[in-house]
Protein backbone atom coordinates (compact mmCIF):
# COMPACT_ATOMS: atom_id res chain seq x y z
CA MET A 1 39.22 -46.56 -1.80
CA VAL A 2 37.40 -49.72 -0.89
CA LYS A 3 35.42 -51.60 -3.54
CA VAL A 4 32.96 -54.49 -3.24
CA ASN A 5 33.69 -57.83 -4.85
CA ASN A 6 30.10 -58.83 -5.67
CA LEU A 7 31.14 -62.43 -6.34
CA LYS A 8 32.12 -62.81 -2.67
CA CYS A 9 29.56 -60.52 -1.02
CA GLY A 10 26.69 -62.18 0.85
CA TYR A 11 24.88 -58.85 1.42
CA CYS A 12 24.77 -59.31 5.20
CA GLY A 13 24.95 -55.55 5.79
CA ALA A 14 27.71 -55.68 8.42
CA CYS A 15 29.68 -53.04 6.53
CA VAL A 16 26.63 -50.77 6.34
CA GLY A 17 26.23 -50.80 10.11
CA ILE A 18 29.91 -50.19 10.93
CA CYS A 19 30.57 -47.24 8.58
CA PRO A 20 30.97 -44.07 10.68
CA ARG A 21 30.34 -41.82 7.66
CA ASN A 22 27.22 -43.60 6.36
CA ALA A 23 29.00 -44.09 3.04
CA ILE A 24 27.72 -47.64 2.47
CA GLU A 25 24.20 -48.65 1.51
CA LEU A 26 22.50 -51.96 0.80
CA ILE A 27 20.25 -51.31 -2.19
CA GLU A 28 18.36 -54.15 -3.89
CA ASN A 29 20.86 -56.88 -2.92
CA LYS A 30 23.83 -54.74 -3.87
CA ILE A 31 26.31 -52.91 -1.66
CA GLU A 32 27.02 -49.38 -2.85
CA ILE A 33 29.89 -47.27 -1.49
CA ASN A 34 29.71 -43.50 -1.88
CA ASP A 35 33.30 -42.51 -2.67
CA GLU A 36 32.64 -38.89 -1.72
CA LYS A 37 31.57 -39.82 1.82
CA CYS A 38 34.15 -42.59 2.33
CA LYS A 39 37.34 -41.46 4.01
CA GLY A 40 39.15 -44.80 3.75
CA CYS A 41 39.07 -45.91 7.40
CA LYS A 42 38.59 -49.54 6.21
CA LEU A 43 36.39 -50.54 9.16
CA CYS A 44 34.07 -52.13 6.62
CA LYS A 45 36.91 -54.24 5.27
CA GLU A 46 37.84 -55.40 8.76
CA ILE A 47 34.27 -56.41 9.68
CA CYS A 48 33.35 -58.22 6.45
CA PRO A 49 32.95 -61.94 7.26
CA VAL A 50 33.66 -63.06 3.69
CA ASN A 51 36.42 -60.59 2.75
CA ALA A 52 34.32 -59.10 -0.04
CA LEU A 53 35.73 -55.59 0.40
CA GLU A 54 38.98 -54.91 -1.41
CA GLU A 55 41.26 -51.99 -2.15
């Protein structure tokens, strides 16, 4: 599963918008990934401009 490296993340929300399963939310300047909804397509990882999403 994909995890967020909060030290790199700029909270731009690009990953939130690209997720086809609505598994990612931006809540109070923090990206949260719902592991139950996420199916591991890694579109979020591909779109992240600062490479803050890691496996």
